[in-house]
Amino acid sequence: MKIRKKIINWLFKKEKEILNKEIENIRLFNYKIKQKLKDYSLLAEKQKDAYRTAINYIEELKEISDKLSAVLEVTDVSVDVHATKYSPSWAVISIQGEKTDFIKFVDLGYAELKEIQHFLRKFDRAKIDASPQIAPLLRIDRKEKKI
């Protein structure tokens, strides 16, 4: 019996080596597939964590936006602008609270006036959403607009 086994091993030595190499390649391939599956599952977990984090950020931003909207709803700003050096320009900031109101008067210097003027110039040629009857009332003469 041992002799028969040795003869068979000797006759099919090359085929046996090829089969052993193929078996080893299949084992290596299976190992690589298992590693890829682990990597994909880790990646899926990281994506889930990133998604949860993004959802949390969106909820926080919505909360901040709601708070900012609430503040802007109760805030009013008025400005009295004087182009002369004898009478200073000033702004009034008014925040209406549930129980008390907050009012602050702010002196405006020349630099602040120029900054406000520059900001408002962006809207000079902006389209105004108004009916044709009201539109002439919204136009400002160039002579009146200069500060």
Protein backbone atom coordinates (compact mmCIF):
# COMPACT_ATOMS: atom_id res chain seq x y z
CA MET A 1 0.00 0.00 0.00
CA LYS A 2 2.80 2.40 0.82
CA ILE A 3 4.52 1.63 -2.42
CA ARG A 4 1.34 2.36 -4.38
CA LYS A 5 1.01 5.74 -2.61
CA LYS A 6 4.63 6.61 -3.37
CA ILE A 7 4.20 5.67 -7.03
CA ILE A 8 1.03 7.76 -7.32
CA ASN A 9 2.76 10.71 -5.60
CA TRP A 10 5.72 10.35 -7.93
CA LEU A 11 3.56 10.08 -11.07
CA PHE A 12 1.34 13.03 -10.17
CA LYS A 13 3.96 15.18 -8.44
CA LYS A 14 3.56 18.19 -10.82
CA GLU A 15 -0.22 18.02 -10.73
CA LYS A 16 -0.17 17.81 -6.93
CA GLU A 17 2.11 20.88 -6.74
CA ILE A 18 -0.19 22.79 -9.10
CA LEU A 19 -3.24 21.82 -7.03
CA ASN A 20 -1.48 22.83 -3.80
CA LYS A 21 -0.57 26.22 -5.34
CA GLU A 22 -4.16 26.70 -6.47
CA ILE A 23 -5.44 25.77 -3.00
CA GLU A 24 -3.01 28.28 -1.45
CA ASN A 25 -4.10 30.97 -3.95
CA ILE A 26 -7.75 30.30 -3.09
CA ARG A 27 -6.98 30.54 0.65
CA LEU A 28 -5.11 33.81 0.08
CA PHE A 29 -7.98 35.12 -2.05
CA ASN A 30 -10.50 34.19 0.69
CA TYR A 31 -8.34 35.93 3.28
CA LYS A 32 -8.18 39.08 1.15
CA ILE A 33 -11.96 39.01 0.66
CA LYS A 34 -12.50 38.70 4.42
CA GLN A 35 -10.15 41.66 4.99
CA LYS A 36 -12.01 43.72 2.38
CA LEU A 37 -15.33 42.88 4.03
CA LYS A 38 -13.95 44.01 7.39
CA ASP A 39 -12.66 47.22 5.78
CA TYR A 40 -16.04 47.83 4.14
CA SER A 41 -17.89 47.23 7.38
CA LEU A 42 -15.55 49.66 9.18
CA LEU A 43 -16.07 52.17 6.38
CA ALA A 44 -19.84 51.73 6.63
CA GLU A 45 -19.65 52.38 10.39
CA LYS A 46 -17.55 55.49 9.79
CA GLN A 47 -20.06 56.69 7.20
CA LYS A 48 -22.89 56.12 9.66
CA ASP A 49 -20.99 58.11 12.30
CA ALA A 50 -20.32 60.91 9.80
CA TYR A 51 -24.00 60.94 8.82
CA ARG A 52 -25.06 61.13 12.48
CA THR A 53 -22.58 63.96 13.06
CA ALA A 54 -23.87 65.83 10.01
CA ILE A 55 -27.46 65.42 11.22
CA ASN A 56 -26.44 66.79 14.63
CA TYR A 57 -24.72 69.78 12.99
CA ILE A 58 -27.78 70.45 10.86
CA GLU A 59 -30.00 70.36 13.94
CA GLU A 60 -27.64 72.74 15.78
CA LEU A 61 -27.55 75.11 12.79
CA LYS A 62 -31.34 75.05 12.58
CA GLU A 63 -31.54 75.86 16.28
CA ILE A 64 -29.08 78.74 15.85
CA SER A 65 -31.01 79.96 12.82
CA ASP A 66 -34.27 79.87 14.79
CA LYS A 67 -32.68 81.86 17.64
CA LEU A 68 -31.23 84.39 15.20
CA SER A 69 -34.61 84.75 13.50
CA ALA A 70 -36.24 85.33 16.87
CA VAL A 71 -33.70 88.05 17.69
CA LEU A 72 -34.11 89.70 14.29
CA GLU A 73 -37.89 89.72 14.65
CA VAL A 74 -37.69 91.87 17.79
CA THR A 75 -34.78 94.08 16.68
CA ASP A 76 -35.15 97.47 15.05
CA VAL A 77 -32.38 99.85 14.00
CA SER A 78 -32.87 103.56 13.29
CA VAL A 79 -30.27 106.04 12.10
CA ASP A 80 -30.13 109.84 12.16
CA VAL A 81 -27.46 111.04 9.74
CA HIS A 82 -26.04 114.56 9.73
CA ALA A 83 -23.44 115.56 7.18
CA THR A 84 -22.15 118.47 9.20
CA LYS A 85 -19.38 118.42 11.78
CA TYR A 86 -21.50 120.34 14.30
CA SER A 87 -24.19 117.71 14.80
CA PRO A 88 -22.98 114.10 15.15
CA SER A 89 -24.77 111.21 13.48
CA TRP A 90 -26.12 108.41 15.61
CA ALA A 91 -27.99 105.12 15.45
CA VAL A 92 -30.61 103.62 17.73
CA ILE A 93 -30.73 99.88 18.29
CA SER A 94 -33.95 98.65 19.84
CA ILE A 95 -34.64 95.07 20.94
CA GLN A 96 -38.13 94.31 22.14
CA GLY A 97 -38.20 91.75 24.94
CA GLU A 98 -41.13 89.97 26.54
CA LYS A 99 -40.94 92.02 29.75
CA THR A 100 -38.49 94.83 28.98
CA ASP A 101 -37.09 96.56 25.92
CA PHE A 102 -33.42 97.22 25.29
CA ILE A 103 -32.50 100.51 23.63
CA LYS A 104 -28.96 101.59 22.82
CA PHE A 105 -27.80 104.86 21.24
CA VAL A 106 -24.57 104.65 19.24
CA ASP A 107 -22.57 107.65 17.98
CA LEU A 108 -21.49 107.19 14.39
CA GLY A 109 -18.20 108.60 13.21
CA TYR A 110 -17.32 109.57 9.67
CA ALA A 111 -15.76 106.15 8.93
CA GLU A 112 -18.90 104.32 10.03
CA LEU A 113 -21.04 106.62 7.89
CA LYS A 114 -18.86 105.91 4.85
CA GLU A 115 -19.10 102.17 5.54
CA ILE A 116 -22.91 102.35 5.82
CA GLN A 117 -23.08 104.46 2.66
CA HIS A 118 -20.89 101.94 0.79
CA PHE A 119 -23.10 99.08 1.99
CA LEU A 120 -26.31 100.83 0.92
CA ARG A 121 -24.89 101.61 -2.54
CA LYS A 122 -25.01 97.88 -3.29
CA PHE A 123 -28.78 98.18 -3.34
CA ASP A 124 -29.06 101.36 -5.44
CA ARG A 125 -29.98 99.57 -8.62
CA ALA A 126 -31.64 96.57 -7.02
CA LYS A 127 -35.11 95.71 -8.21
CA ILE A 128 -37.79 96.72 -5.76
CA ASP A 129 -40.78 94.50 -5.36
CA ALA A 130 -43.54 97.12 -5.40
CA SER A 131 -46.61 97.97 -7.39
CA PRO A 132 -46.24 100.62 -10.12
CA GLN A 133 -48.25 103.12 -8.04
CA ILE A 134 -45.83 102.91 -5.09
CA ALA A 135 -42.55 102.73 -7.07
CA PRO A 136 -42.20 106.55 -7.58
CA LEU A 137 -42.42 107.04 -3.82
CA LEU A 138 -39.47 104.71 -3.30
CA ARG A 139 -37.09 106.60 -5.62
CA ILE A 140 -34.56 108.90 -3.97
CA ASP A 141 -33.19 111.94 -5.73
CA ARG A 142 -29.41 111.97 -6.15
CA LYS A 143 -29.23 115.35 -4.39
CA GLU A 144 -30.95 114.02 -1.26
CA LYS A 145 -28.91 110.82 -1.16
CA LYS A 146 -25.45 112.41 -0.69
CA ILE A 147 -24.07 112.29 2.83
